[in-house]
Amino acid sequence: MKIIQFQSCVVPSDIRQKNYLLMNNDKNSAIIPESDQLNELKNDIESPCTKRKIPLWLVFLDNIPTLILFVLGAIIVCQVSKIGSVVFFVYALFSVVYFWARICPFCHHYNTLACPCGYGAISAKFFKKRQDKSFKKVFRQNILIVFPNWFVPFAISIYLLVTRYTIEILILTITFSLIGFVVIPLISRFVGCKNCEIKEDCPWMKINIQNKDQSISA
């Protein structure tokens, strides 16, 4: 027999439900028997808790390439439409705010300094915590909002290379592609998200892990 004390932390709704069901098995006792189920519950509850504080340089490292990507994307779009360039840049900024509003409130790192990109702390200043859906589900449902920031400029750059080839457009295309499809994913995989305590619960990291496994098997 062992007395268990749980530290307060942000606990996903499915874990809180397991906790509720387990505790109701013995309403009149604060002493809970050791079991495989209890150990699983303890691991689930403790894993999202973190005292880790992401250093400021890492937050900048995670965000500066994305900002550069947005600027390069706006320059590429500007080659076909100045108004379209403004619309693209406004959309890119909107997609970040949308991410704060619709994804971050469900994350275990909401309102902490453990988020590699710093979004968890920023989101908490403007949006309330939500636990009515799982982080995995919300992430998958909303992550498409950022895809145009990568693929619209890339598609336009390919069009420009075919119809109006110049060395400047070629350099823009190569630079944009390297930052968007190489630098940013590498930072996420090997720096920003590498030591994240909840990476097993994050669809973005699972995609990276799957791609890595596929490349190794190939």
N, C-alpha and C. Protein backbone atom coordinates (compact mmCIF):
# COMPACT_ATOMS: atom_id res chain seq x y z
N MET A 1 0.84 -1.20 0.00
CA MET A 1 0.00 0.00 0.00
C MET A 1 0.87 1.25 0.00
N LYS A 2 0.43 2.27 -0.77
CA LYS A 2 1.27 3.46 -0.88
C LYS A 2 0.41 4.69 -1.04
N ILE A 3 0.78 5.75 -0.33
CA ILE A 3 0.05 7.01 -0.45
C ILE A 3 0.65 7.81 -1.60
N ILE A 4 -0.20 8.19 -2.55
CA ILE A 4 0.27 8.88 -3.75
C ILE A 4 -0.10 10.35 -3.68
N GLN A 5 0.85 11.24 -3.95
CA GLN A 5 0.58 12.66 -4.03
C GLN A 5 0.91 13.11 -5.44
N PHE A 6 -0.08 13.68 -6.12
CA PHE A 6 0.12 14.12 -7.49
C PHE A 6 0.42 15.61 -7.50
N GLN A 7 1.43 16.01 -8.28
CA GLN A 7 1.70 17.42 -8.45
C GLN A 7 0.68 18.01 -9.41
N SER A 8 0.31 19.28 -9.21
CA SER A 8 -0.65 19.92 -10.11
C SER A 8 0.02 20.20 -11.44
N CYS A 9 -0.71 19.94 -12.52
CA CYS A 9 -0.19 20.18 -13.85
C CYS A 9 -1.35 20.19 -14.82
N VAL A 10 -1.03 20.47 -16.08
CA VAL A 10 -2.07 20.44 -17.11
C VAL A 10 -2.24 19.01 -17.57
N VAL A 11 -3.38 18.43 -17.31
CA VAL A 11 -3.62 17.02 -17.60
C VAL A 11 -4.67 16.90 -18.68
N PRO A 12 -4.40 16.13 -19.75
CA PRO A 12 -5.38 15.94 -20.81
C PRO A 12 -6.67 15.35 -20.27
N SER A 13 -7.77 15.60 -21.00
CA SER A 13 -9.09 15.20 -20.52
C SER A 13 -9.22 13.69 -20.37
N ASP A 14 -8.59 12.92 -21.30
CA ASP A 14 -8.72 11.47 -21.20
C ASP A 14 -8.01 10.94 -19.96
N ILE A 15 -6.90 11.59 -19.57
CA ILE A 15 -6.18 11.18 -18.37
C ILE A 15 -6.98 11.54 -17.13
N ARG A 16 -7.60 12.72 -17.13
CA ARG A 16 -8.41 13.11 -15.98
C ARG A 16 -9.58 12.16 -15.79
N GLN A 17 -10.12 11.65 -16.89
CA GLN A 17 -11.22 10.70 -16.79
C GLN A 17 -10.75 9.39 -16.15
N LYS A 18 -9.55 8.94 -16.55
CA LYS A 18 -9.01 7.72 -15.94
C LYS A 18 -8.76 7.93 -14.45
N ASN A 19 -8.26 9.10 -14.11
CA ASN A 19 -8.02 9.43 -12.71
C ASN A 19 -9.32 9.40 -11.92
N TYR A 20 -10.37 9.99 -12.50
CA TYR A 20 -11.68 10.02 -11.83
C TYR A 20 -12.23 8.62 -11.61
N LEU A 21 -12.12 7.78 -12.64
CA LEU A 21 -12.65 6.42 -12.53
C LEU A 21 -11.87 5.62 -11.50
N LEU A 22 -10.55 5.81 -11.48
CA LEU A 22 -9.73 5.05 -10.54
C LEU A 22 -10.01 5.47 -9.11
N MET A 23 -10.12 6.77 -8.88
CA MET A 23 -10.34 7.26 -7.52
C MET A 23 -11.72 6.86 -7.00
N ASN A 24 -12.68 6.75 -7.90
CA ASN A 24 -14.03 6.37 -7.48
C ASN A 24 -14.13 4.92 -7.03
N ASN A 25 -13.09 4.13 -7.35
CA ASN A 25 -13.11 2.75 -6.89
C ASN A 25 -12.98 2.66 -5.37
N ASP A 26 -12.47 3.74 -4.79
CA ASP A 26 -12.30 3.73 -3.34
C ASP A 26 -12.54 5.14 -2.82
N LYS A 27 -13.79 5.54 -2.73
CA LYS A 27 -14.14 6.91 -2.39
C LYS A 27 -13.77 7.26 -0.95
N ASN A 28 -13.73 6.30 -0.08
CA ASN A 28 -13.56 6.58 1.34
C ASN A 28 -12.12 6.44 1.82
N SER A 29 -11.19 6.23 0.88
CA SER A 29 -9.81 6.02 1.30
C SER A 29 -8.87 6.85 0.46
N ALA A 30 -7.87 7.44 1.13
CA ALA A 30 -6.85 8.20 0.41
C ALA A 30 -5.66 7.32 0.07
N ILE A 31 -5.71 6.06 0.50
CA ILE A 31 -4.62 5.13 0.24
C ILE A 31 -4.99 4.27 -0.95
N ILE A 32 -4.15 4.31 -2.00
CA ILE A 32 -4.45 3.62 -3.25
C ILE A 32 -3.46 2.48 -3.42
N PRO A 33 -3.93 1.26 -3.71
CA PRO A 33 -3.01 0.15 -3.88
C PRO A 33 -2.16 0.29 -5.14
N GLU A 34 -0.90 -0.14 -5.05
CA GLU A 34 -0.02 -0.16 -6.21
C GLU A 34 -0.56 -1.18 -7.21
N SER A 35 -0.53 -0.82 -8.49
CA SER A 35 -0.97 -1.73 -9.54
C SER A 35 -0.43 -1.23 -10.86
N ASP A 36 -0.54 -2.07 -11.89
CA ASP A 36 -0.12 -1.65 -13.22
C ASP A 36 -0.95 -0.46 -13.69
N GLN A 37 -2.24 -0.50 -13.37
CA GLN A 37 -3.11 0.59 -13.77
C GLN A 37 -2.70 1.90 -13.10
N LEU A 38 -2.34 1.83 -11.82
CA LEU A 38 -1.94 3.02 -11.09
C LEU A 38 -0.62 3.56 -11.64
N ASN A 39 0.32 2.68 -11.95
CA ASN A 39 1.59 3.13 -12.50
C ASN A 39 1.40 3.81 -13.85
N GLU A 40 0.49 3.25 -14.64
CA GLU A 40 0.19 3.86 -15.93
C GLU A 40 -0.41 5.24 -15.73
N LEU A 41 -1.32 5.35 -14.76
CA LEU A 41 -1.96 6.62 -14.47
C LEU A 41 -0.92 7.65 -14.01
N LYS A 42 0.00 7.23 -13.13
CA LYS A 42 1.03 8.14 -12.65
C LYS A 42 1.89 8.65 -13.79
N ASN A 43 2.26 7.76 -14.71
CA ASN A 43 3.09 8.16 -15.83
C ASN A 43 2.36 9.14 -16.73
N ASP A 44 1.06 8.85 -16.96
CA ASP A 44 0.27 9.72 -17.82
C ASP A 44 0.15 11.12 -17.23
N ILE A 45 -0.05 11.18 -15.92
CA ILE A 45 -0.26 12.47 -15.28
C ILE A 45 1.05 13.25 -15.18
N GLU A 46 2.13 12.57 -14.90
CA GLU A 46 3.38 13.26 -14.68
C GLU A 46 4.07 13.67 -15.97
N SER A 47 3.82 12.93 -17.07
CA SER A 47 4.54 13.20 -18.30
C SER A 47 4.31 14.58 -18.88
N PRO A 48 3.06 15.13 -18.85
CA PRO A 48 2.90 16.47 -19.40
C PRO A 48 3.47 17.56 -18.49
N CYS A 49 3.69 17.26 -17.21
CA CYS A 49 4.19 18.27 -16.29
C CYS A 49 5.66 18.55 -16.61
N THR A 50 6.02 19.77 -16.56
CA THR A 50 7.42 20.08 -16.84
C THR A 50 7.81 21.38 -16.16
N LYS A 51 9.04 21.39 -15.66
CA LYS A 51 9.60 22.62 -15.11
C LYS A 51 10.62 23.19 -16.08
N ARG A 52 10.73 22.58 -17.25
CA ARG A 52 11.69 23.01 -18.25
C ARG A 52 11.35 24.40 -18.78
N LYS A 53 12.35 25.25 -18.91
CA LYS A 53 12.17 26.58 -19.47
C LYS A 53 13.02 26.69 -20.73
N ILE A 54 12.35 26.88 -21.87
CA ILE A 54 13.07 26.99 -23.13
C ILE A 54 13.85 28.30 -23.17
N PRO A 55 15.15 28.26 -23.49
CA PRO A 55 15.94 29.50 -23.55
C PRO A 55 15.46 30.40 -24.69
N LEU A 56 15.67 31.69 -24.53
CA LEU A 56 15.18 32.66 -25.50
C LEU A 56 15.82 32.47 -26.87
N TRP A 57 17.08 32.07 -26.90
CA TRP A 57 17.74 31.88 -28.20
C TRP A 57 17.08 30.77 -29.02
N LEU A 58 16.56 29.76 -28.32
CA LEU A 58 15.89 28.67 -29.02
C LEU A 58 14.54 29.12 -29.58
N VAL A 59 13.85 29.98 -28.85
CA VAL A 59 12.59 30.54 -29.34
C VAL A 59 12.84 31.35 -30.61
N PHE A 60 13.91 32.16 -30.60
CA PHE A 60 14.27 32.94 -31.79
C PHE A 60 14.66 32.01 -32.95
N LEU A 61 15.43 30.98 -32.64
CA LEU A 61 15.85 30.02 -33.66
C LEU A 61 14.66 29.34 -34.31
N ASP A 62 13.62 29.11 -33.53
CA ASP A 62 12.43 28.43 -34.04
C ASP A 62 11.56 29.37 -34.87
N ASN A 63 11.59 30.67 -34.57
CA ASN A 63 10.67 31.61 -35.21
C ASN A 63 11.26 32.45 -36.33
N ILE A 64 12.54 32.79 -36.24
CA ILE A 64 13.15 33.65 -37.26
C ILE A 64 13.10 33.03 -38.65
N PRO A 65 13.44 31.73 -38.82
CA PRO A 65 13.32 31.14 -40.16
C PRO A 65 11.90 31.20 -40.72
N THR A 66 10.90 31.04 -39.85
CA THR A 66 9.52 31.12 -40.30
C THR A 66 9.18 32.53 -40.77
N LEU A 67 9.64 33.54 -40.04
CA LEU A 67 9.42 34.93 -40.44
C LEU A 67 10.11 35.22 -41.77
N ILE A 68 11.34 34.73 -41.94
CA ILE A 68 12.06 34.89 -43.21
C ILE A 68 11.29 34.23 -44.34
N LEU A 69 10.72 33.05 -44.05
CA LEU A 69 9.92 32.34 -45.05
C LEU A 69 8.74 33.18 -45.50
N PHE A 70 8.06 33.82 -44.54
CA PHE A 70 6.92 34.66 -44.88
C PHE A 70 7.34 35.84 -45.76
N VAL A 71 8.48 36.46 -45.42
CA VAL A 71 8.96 37.60 -46.20
C VAL A 71 9.34 37.17 -47.62
N LEU A 72 10.07 36.07 -47.73
CA LEU A 72 10.44 35.55 -49.04
C LEU A 72 9.21 35.17 -49.85
N GLY A 73 8.23 34.56 -49.18
CA GLY A 73 6.99 34.20 -49.86
C GLY A 73 6.28 35.42 -50.40
N ALA A 74 6.25 36.50 -49.61
CA ALA A 74 5.60 37.74 -50.06
C ALA A 74 6.35 38.33 -51.26
N ILE A 75 7.68 38.25 -51.25
CA ILE A 75 8.47 38.76 -52.38
C ILE A 75 8.19 37.96 -53.64
N ILE A 76 8.07 36.63 -53.48
CA ILE A 76 7.77 35.78 -54.64
C ILE A 76 6.38 36.10 -55.20
N VAL A 77 5.39 36.21 -54.33
CA VAL A 77 4.04 36.52 -54.78
C VAL A 77 3.99 37.90 -55.42
N CYS A 78 4.81 38.82 -54.94
CA CYS A 78 4.85 40.18 -55.46
C CYS A 78 5.26 40.21 -56.94
N GLN A 79 5.94 39.18 -57.39
CA GLN A 79 6.36 39.13 -58.80
C GLN A 79 5.16 39.01 -59.74
N VAL A 80 4.04 38.54 -59.23
CA VAL A 80 2.84 38.42 -60.07
C VAL A 80 1.74 39.38 -59.64
N SER A 81 1.76 39.82 -58.36
CA SER A 81 0.72 40.72 -57.87
C SER A 81 1.16 41.39 -56.57
N LYS A 82 1.19 42.73 -56.57
CA LYS A 82 1.55 43.45 -55.35
C LYS A 82 0.45 43.30 -54.29
N ILE A 83 -0.80 43.38 -54.74
CA ILE A 83 -1.91 43.20 -53.80
C ILE A 83 -1.90 41.78 -53.25
N GLY A 84 -1.63 40.82 -54.12
CA GLY A 84 -1.54 39.43 -53.69
C GLY A 84 -0.44 39.22 -52.67
N SER A 85 0.66 39.96 -52.82
CA SER A 85 1.76 39.87 -51.87
C SER A 85 1.33 40.33 -50.48
N VAL A 86 0.59 41.45 -50.43
CA VAL A 86 0.09 41.96 -49.16
C VAL A 86 -0.89 40.96 -48.54
N VAL A 87 -1.78 40.44 -49.39
CA VAL A 87 -2.77 39.47 -48.91
C VAL A 87 -2.07 38.23 -48.35
N PHE A 88 -1.03 37.78 -49.05
CA PHE A 88 -0.30 36.59 -48.58
C PHE A 88 0.33 36.85 -47.22
N PHE A 89 1.00 38.00 -47.07
CA PHE A 89 1.69 38.28 -45.81
C PHE A 89 0.71 38.42 -44.66
N VAL A 90 -0.43 39.07 -44.92
CA VAL A 90 -1.46 39.20 -43.88
C VAL A 90 -2.00 37.82 -43.52
N TYR A 91 -2.23 36.97 -44.53
CA TYR A 91 -2.71 35.61 -44.27
C TYR A 91 -1.70 34.83 -43.44
N ALA A 92 -0.41 34.97 -43.76
CA ALA A 92 0.63 34.24 -43.03
C ALA A 92 0.61 34.61 -41.54
N LEU A 93 0.48 35.91 -41.26
CA LEU A 93 0.41 36.35 -39.87
C LEU A 93 -0.88 35.87 -39.21
N PHE A 94 -1.97 35.91 -39.98
CA PHE A 94 -3.26 35.42 -39.46
C PHE A 94 -3.17 33.94 -39.11
N SER A 95 -2.48 33.15 -39.93
CA SER A 95 -2.39 31.71 -39.67
C SER A 95 -1.67 31.43 -38.35
N VAL A 96 -0.71 32.28 -37.99
CA VAL A 96 -0.01 32.12 -36.72
C VAL A 96 -0.96 32.41 -35.56
N VAL A 97 -1.72 33.51 -35.68
CA VAL A 97 -2.68 33.86 -34.63
C VAL A 97 -3.75 32.77 -34.53
N TYR A 98 -4.18 32.25 -35.67
CA TYR A 98 -5.16 31.15 -35.70
C TYR A 98 -4.60 29.94 -34.96
N PHE A 99 -3.32 29.67 -35.15
CA PHE A 99 -2.66 28.56 -34.46
C PHE A 99 -2.72 28.78 -32.95
N TRP A 100 -2.42 30.01 -32.52
CA TRP A 100 -2.50 30.32 -31.08
C TRP A 100 -3.91 30.08 -30.55
N ALA A 101 -4.91 30.43 -31.36
CA ALA A 101 -6.30 30.40 -30.89
C ALA A 101 -6.91 29.00 -30.93
N ARG A 102 -6.59 28.22 -31.95
CA ARG A 102 -7.29 26.96 -32.17
C ARG A 102 -6.51 25.71 -31.80
N ILE A 103 -5.19 25.82 -31.68
CA ILE A 103 -4.37 24.64 -31.38
C ILE A 103 -3.70 24.75 -30.02
N CYS A 104 -3.04 25.86 -29.76
CA CYS A 104 -2.27 26.01 -28.51
C CYS A 104 -3.09 25.81 -27.23
N PRO A 105 -4.36 26.28 -27.15
CA PRO A 105 -5.11 26.10 -25.90
C PRO A 105 -5.34 24.65 -25.51
N PHE A 106 -5.14 23.70 -26.43
CA PHE A 106 -5.32 22.28 -26.14
C PHE A 106 -4.00 21.59 -25.81
N CYS A 107 -2.89 22.31 -25.97
CA CYS A 107 -1.57 21.70 -25.78
C CYS A 107 -1.21 21.65 -24.30
N HIS A 108 -0.43 20.63 -23.90
CA HIS A 108 0.03 20.50 -22.52
C HIS A 108 0.97 21.64 -22.13
N HIS A 109 1.58 22.28 -23.12
CA HIS A 109 2.52 23.37 -22.85
C HIS A 109 1.86 24.74 -22.85
N TYR A 110 0.55 24.76 -22.93
CA TYR A 110 -0.18 26.03 -22.84
C TYR A 110 0.15 26.72 -21.51
N ASN A 111 0.44 28.01 -21.58
CA ASN A 111 0.74 28.82 -20.40
C ASN A 111 1.97 28.33 -19.64
N THR A 112 2.94 27.79 -20.39
CA THR A 112 4.22 27.41 -19.79
C THR A 112 5.34 27.98 -20.66
N LEU A 113 6.55 27.90 -20.16
CA LEU A 113 7.73 28.33 -20.92
C LEU A 113 8.45 27.13 -21.52
N ALA A 114 7.75 26.01 -21.61
CA ALA A 114 8.34 24.78 -22.15
C ALA A 114 8.09 24.62 -23.64
N CYS A 115 7.28 25.50 -24.24
CA CYS A 115 6.99 25.41 -25.66
C CYS A 115 8.19 25.90 -26.46
N PRO A 116 8.75 25.08 -27.38
CA PRO A 116 9.95 25.47 -28.12
C PRO A 116 9.80 26.73 -28.95
N CYS A 117 8.59 26.99 -29.44
CA CYS A 117 8.39 28.18 -30.28
C CYS A 117 7.82 29.36 -29.50
N GLY A 118 7.56 29.16 -28.22
CA GLY A 118 7.05 30.24 -27.39
C GLY A 118 5.57 30.50 -27.52
N TYR A 119 4.88 29.71 -28.36
CA TYR A 119 3.46 29.94 -28.60
C TYR A 119 2.61 29.70 -27.35
N GLY A 120 3.03 28.74 -26.51
CA GLY A 120 2.24 28.39 -25.33
C GLY A 120 2.04 29.58 -24.40
N ALA A 121 3.11 30.36 -24.21
CA ALA A 121 3.02 31.53 -23.33
C ALA A 121 2.23 32.66 -23.98
N ILE A 122 2.41 32.85 -25.30
CA ILE A 122 1.70 33.92 -26.00
C ILE A 122 0.21 33.62 -26.08
N SER A 123 -0.14 32.38 -26.41
CA SER A 123 -1.54 31.99 -26.53
C SER A 123 -2.31 32.24 -25.24
N ALA A 124 -1.65 31.96 -24.10
CA ALA A 124 -2.32 32.10 -22.80
C ALA A 124 -2.69 33.54 -22.49
N LYS A 125 -2.03 34.50 -23.13
CA LYS A 125 -2.33 35.92 -22.88
C LYS A 125 -3.59 36.38 -23.61
N PHE A 126 -4.01 35.62 -24.63
CA PHE A 126 -5.14 36.06 -25.45
C PHE A 126 -6.30 35.06 -25.50
N PHE A 127 -6.00 33.79 -25.24
CA PHE A 127 -7.02 32.76 -25.41
C PHE A 127 -7.08 31.86 -24.19
N LYS A 128 -8.29 31.38 -23.87
CA LYS A 128 -8.49 30.55 -22.69
C LYS A 128 -8.10 29.10 -22.96
N LYS A 129 -7.69 28.42 -21.88
CA LYS A 129 -7.38 27.00 -21.94
C LYS A 129 -8.62 26.21 -22.31
N ARG A 130 -8.45 25.20 -23.17
CA ARG A 130 -9.57 24.33 -23.54
C ARG A 130 -9.15 22.87 -23.42
N GLN A 131 -10.08 22.04 -22.96
CA GLN A 131 -9.79 20.61 -22.77
C GLN A 131 -10.93 19.73 -23.27
N ASP A 132 -11.83 20.28 -24.09
CA ASP A 132 -12.97 19.50 -24.54
C ASP A 132 -12.62 18.57 -25.70
N LYS A 133 -11.41 18.72 -26.28
CA LYS A 133 -10.94 17.83 -27.34
C LYS A 133 -9.47 17.51 -27.08
N SER A 134 -9.00 16.41 -27.67
CA SER A 134 -7.60 16.04 -27.48
C SER A 134 -6.70 16.90 -28.37
N PHE A 135 -5.47 17.11 -27.92
CA PHE A 135 -4.51 17.90 -28.68
C PHE A 135 -4.26 17.29 -30.05
N LYS A 136 -4.13 15.97 -30.11
CA LYS A 136 -3.88 15.29 -31.39
C LYS A 136 -4.97 15.61 -32.40
N LYS A 137 -6.21 15.48 -31.97
CA LYS A 137 -7.35 15.69 -32.87
C LYS A 137 -7.41 17.13 -33.34
N VAL A 138 -7.25 18.07 -32.43
CA VAL A 138 -7.31 19.49 -32.77
C VAL A 138 -6.16 19.86 -33.72
N PHE A 139 -4.98 19.33 -33.46
CA PHE A 139 -3.83 19.62 -34.30
C PHE A 139 -4.08 19.16 -35.74
N ARG A 140 -4.57 17.93 -35.88
CA ARG A 140 -4.82 17.40 -37.22
C ARG A 140 -5.92 18.18 -37.95
N GLN A 141 -6.92 18.64 -37.21
CA GLN A 141 -8.04 19.35 -37.81
C GLN A 141 -7.67 20.75 -38.28
N ASN A 142 -6.66 21.36 -37.67
CA ASN A 142 -6.39 22.77 -37.92
C ASN A 142 -5.04 23.09 -38.55
N ILE A 143 -4.14 22.12 -38.61
CA ILE A 143 -2.79 22.41 -39.08
C ILE A 143 -2.74 22.81 -40.55
N LEU A 144 -3.75 22.45 -41.32
CA LEU A 144 -3.77 22.80 -42.75
C LEU A 144 -3.77 24.31 -42.97
N ILE A 145 -4.12 25.08 -41.95
CA ILE A 145 -4.18 26.53 -42.08
C ILE A 145 -2.82 27.12 -42.47
N VAL A 146 -1.72 26.46 -42.09
CA VAL A 146 -0.39 27.00 -42.38
C VAL A 146 0.19 26.51 -43.70
N PHE A 147 -0.41 25.52 -44.31
CA PHE A 147 0.15 24.94 -45.53
C PHE A 147 0.29 25.95 -46.68
N PRO A 148 -0.68 26.85 -46.92
CA PRO A 148 -0.52 27.83 -48.00
C PRO A 148 0.73 28.70 -47.85
N ASN A 149 1.21 28.89 -46.63
CA ASN A 149 2.41 29.71 -46.43
C ASN A 149 3.64 29.07 -47.10
N TRP A 150 3.61 27.76 -47.25
CA TRP A 150 4.69 27.04 -47.91
C TRP A 150 4.41 26.84 -49.40
N PHE A 151 3.21 26.36 -49.72
CA PHE A 151 2.98 25.85 -51.06
C PHE A 151 2.51 26.89 -52.07
N VAL A 152 1.89 27.98 -51.63
CA VAL A 152 1.48 29.03 -52.58
C VAL A 152 2.72 29.72 -53.18
N PRO A 153 3.66 30.22 -52.37
CA PRO A 153 4.86 30.81 -52.98
C PRO A 153 5.69 29.82 -53.79
N PHE A 154 5.75 28.57 -53.31
CA PHE A 154 6.52 27.56 -54.05
C PHE A 154 5.91 27.32 -55.42
N ALA A 155 4.58 27.21 -55.48
CA ALA A 155 3.90 27.00 -56.77
C ALA A 155 4.11 28.19 -57.70
N ILE A 156 4.02 29.40 -57.14
CA ILE A 156 4.21 30.60 -57.96
C ILE A 156 5.65 30.68 -58.46
N SER A 157 6.60 30.30 -57.61
CA SER A 157 8.01 30.35 -58.03
C SER A 157 8.28 29.38 -59.17
N ILE A 158 7.67 28.20 -59.13
CA ILE A 158 7.81 27.24 -60.24
C ILE A 158 7.22 27.82 -61.52
N TYR A 159 6.05 28.44 -61.38
CA TYR A 159 5.41 29.10 -62.54
C TYR A 159 6.32 30.18 -63.12
N LEU A 160 6.94 30.99 -62.25
CA LEU A 160 7.81 32.06 -62.71
C LEU A 160 9.07 31.52 -63.38
N LEU A 161 9.60 30.42 -62.86
CA LEU A 161 10.79 29.81 -63.47
C LEU A 161 10.49 29.32 -64.88
N VAL A 162 9.27 28.87 -65.09
CA VAL A 162 8.88 28.36 -66.40
C VAL A 162 8.57 29.50 -67.37
N THR A 163 7.91 30.54 -66.89
CA THR A 163 7.41 31.59 -67.79
C THR A 163 8.29 32.84 -67.84
N ARG A 164 9.01 33.14 -66.73
CA ARG A 164 9.81 34.38 -66.69
C ARG A 164 11.15 34.12 -66.02
N TYR A 165 11.86 33.18 -66.47
CA TYR A 165 13.10 32.78 -65.79
C TYR A 165 14.09 33.92 -65.70
N THR A 166 14.58 34.16 -64.49
CA THR A 166 15.71 35.06 -64.24
C THR A 166 16.54 34.45 -63.13
N ILE A 167 17.78 34.88 -63.01
CA ILE A 167 18.64 34.36 -61.96
C ILE A 167 18.13 34.76 -60.59
N GLU A 168 17.50 35.94 -60.51
CA GLU A 168 16.94 36.41 -59.23
C GLU A 168 15.81 35.50 -58.75
N ILE A 169 14.94 35.12 -59.68
CA ILE A 169 13.82 34.24 -59.33
C ILE A 169 14.34 32.86 -58.93
N LEU A 170 15.39 32.40 -59.62
CA LEU A 170 15.97 31.11 -59.27
C LEU A 170 16.54 31.14 -57.85
N ILE A 171 17.26 32.22 -57.51
CA ILE A 171 17.83 32.35 -56.16
C ILE A 171 16.72 32.42 -55.11
N LEU A 172 15.65 33.19 -55.41
CA LEU A 172 14.51 33.27 -54.50
C LEU A 172 13.89 31.90 -54.27
N THR A 173 13.72 31.15 -55.35
CA THR A 173 13.09 29.82 -55.26
C THR A 173 13.95 28.87 -54.43
N ILE A 174 15.25 28.86 -54.69
CA ILE A 174 16.15 27.97 -53.96
C ILE A 174 16.20 28.33 -52.48
N THR A 175 16.31 29.64 -52.19
CA THR A 175 16.38 30.09 -50.80
C THR A 175 15.09 29.76 -50.05
N PHE A 176 13.94 30.05 -50.70
CA PHE A 176 12.65 29.76 -50.07
C PHE A 176 12.51 28.27 -49.81
N SER A 177 12.88 27.44 -50.77
CA SER A 177 12.74 25.99 -50.65
C SER A 177 13.63 25.44 -49.55
N LEU A 178 14.87 25.93 -49.48
CA LEU A 178 15.80 25.45 -48.45
C LEU A 178 15.29 25.79 -47.05
N ILE A 179 14.82 27.03 -46.87
CA ILE A 179 14.34 27.43 -45.55
C ILE A 179 13.05 26.69 -45.19
N GLY A 180 12.11 26.62 -46.15
CA GLY A 180 10.80 26.05 -45.86
C GLY A 180 10.77 24.53 -45.75
N PHE A 181 11.56 23.86 -46.60
CA PHE A 181 11.47 22.41 -46.67
C PHE A 181 12.68 21.67 -46.10
N VAL A 182 13.71 22.43 -45.70
CA VAL A 182 14.90 21.79 -45.11
C VAL A 182 15.20 22.37 -43.73
N VAL A 183 15.45 23.69 -43.66
CA VAL A 183 15.89 24.31 -42.42
C VAL A 183 14.83 24.21 -41.32
N ILE A 184 13.60 24.63 -41.61
CA ILE A 184 12.56 24.62 -40.58
C ILE A 184 12.25 23.21 -40.08
N PRO A 185 12.06 22.21 -40.96
CA PRO A 185 11.85 20.84 -40.45
C PRO A 185 13.03 20.30 -39.64
N LEU A 186 14.26 20.63 -40.05
CA LEU A 186 15.43 20.16 -39.31
C LEU A 186 15.51 20.79 -37.93
N ILE A 187 15.19 22.07 -37.83
CA ILE A 187 15.17 22.73 -36.52
C ILE A 187 14.13 22.09 -35.62
N SER A 188 12.96 21.80 -36.18
CA SER A 188 11.90 21.17 -35.39
C SER A 188 12.33 19.79 -34.90
N ARG A 189 12.92 19.00 -35.78
CA ARG A 189 13.24 17.62 -35.44
C ARG A 189 14.43 17.50 -34.50
N PHE A 190 15.47 18.27 -34.74
CA PHE A 190 16.72 18.06 -34.02
C PHE A 190 17.00 19.10 -32.93
N VAL A 191 16.25 20.18 -32.88
CA VAL A 191 16.49 21.19 -31.86
C VAL A 191 15.22 21.49 -31.08
N GLY A 192 14.26 22.15 -31.73
CA GLY A 192 13.07 22.62 -31.03
C GLY A 192 12.25 21.53 -30.37
N CYS A 193 11.96 20.46 -31.14
CA CYS A 193 11.06 19.42 -30.64
C CYS A 193 11.80 18.18 -30.14
N LYS A 194 13.11 18.15 -30.27
CA LYS A 194 13.87 16.94 -29.96
C LYS A 194 13.66 16.47 -28.53
N ASN A 195 13.76 17.39 -27.57
CA ASN A 195 13.66 17.03 -26.15
C ASN A 195 12.31 17.36 -25.55
N CYS A 196 11.31 17.60 -26.39
CA CYS A 196 9.97 17.92 -25.89
C CYS A 196 9.38 16.71 -25.19
N GLU A 197 8.84 16.93 -23.97
CA GLU A 197 8.30 15.84 -23.18
C GLU A 197 7.04 15.22 -23.78
N ILE A 198 6.36 15.97 -24.67
CA ILE A 198 5.10 15.46 -25.22
C ILE A 198 5.20 15.17 -26.71
N LYS A 199 6.40 14.96 -27.23
CA LYS A 199 6.55 14.76 -28.66
C LYS A 199 5.85 13.49 -29.16
N GLU A 200 5.69 12.49 -28.27
CA GLU A 200 4.99 11.27 -28.66
C GLU A 200 3.50 11.53 -28.86
N ASP A 201 3.02 12.65 -28.32
CA ASP A 201 1.61 13.00 -28.43
C ASP A 201 1.37 14.03 -29.52
N CYS A 202 2.43 14.40 -30.25
CA CYS A 202 2.35 15.47 -31.23
C CYS A 202 2.35 14.91 -32.65
N PRO A 203 1.32 15.15 -33.44
CA PRO A 203 1.27 14.64 -34.82
C PRO A 203 2.41 15.15 -35.68
N TRP A 204 2.88 16.38 -35.44
CA TRP A 204 3.97 16.93 -36.24
C TRP A 204 5.25 16.12 -36.07
N MET A 205 5.58 15.74 -34.84
CA MET A 205 6.76 14.94 -34.60
C MET A 205 6.60 13.53 -35.12
N LYS A 206 5.39 12.98 -35.06
CA LYS A 206 5.17 11.64 -35.58
C LYS A 206 5.36 11.59 -37.09
N ILE A 207 4.97 12.67 -37.77
CA ILE A 207 5.19 12.76 -39.22
C ILE A 207 6.69 12.75 -39.51
N ASN A 208 7.46 13.52 -38.74
CA ASN A 208 8.91 13.57 -38.93
C ASN A 208 9.55 12.22 -38.67
N ILE A 209 9.10 11.54 -37.59
CA ILE A 209 9.65 10.23 -37.25
C ILE A 209 9.35 9.20 -38.34
N GLN A 210 8.11 9.23 -38.86
CA GLN A 210 7.72 8.31 -39.92
C GLN A 210 8.55 8.55 -41.19
N ASN A 211 8.75 9.82 -41.54
CA ASN A 211 9.55 10.14 -42.72
C ASN A 211 10.99 9.67 -42.56
N LYS A 212 11.51 9.82 -41.33
CA LYS A 212 12.87 9.38 -41.05
C LYS A 212 12.98 7.86 -41.18
N ASP A 213 12.00 7.14 -40.63
CA ASP A 213 12.01 5.67 -40.70
C ASP A 213 11.92 5.19 -42.15
N GLN A 214 11.07 5.88 -42.94
CA GLN A 214 10.91 5.49 -44.33
C GLN A 214 12.20 5.69 -45.11
N SER A 215 12.90 6.80 -44.84
CA SER A 215 14.14 7.07 -45.55
C SER A 215 15.22 6.05 -45.18
N ILE A 216 15.21 5.61 -43.89
CA ILE A 216 16.20 4.62 -43.45
C ILE A 216 15.92 3.26 -44.09
N SER A 217 14.62 2.87 -44.13
CA SER A 217 14.26 1.58 -44.70
C SER A 217 14.50 1.54 -46.21
N ALA A 218 14.36 2.72 -46.85
CA ALA A 218 14.59 2.78 -48.30
C ALA A 218 16.08 2.65 -48.61
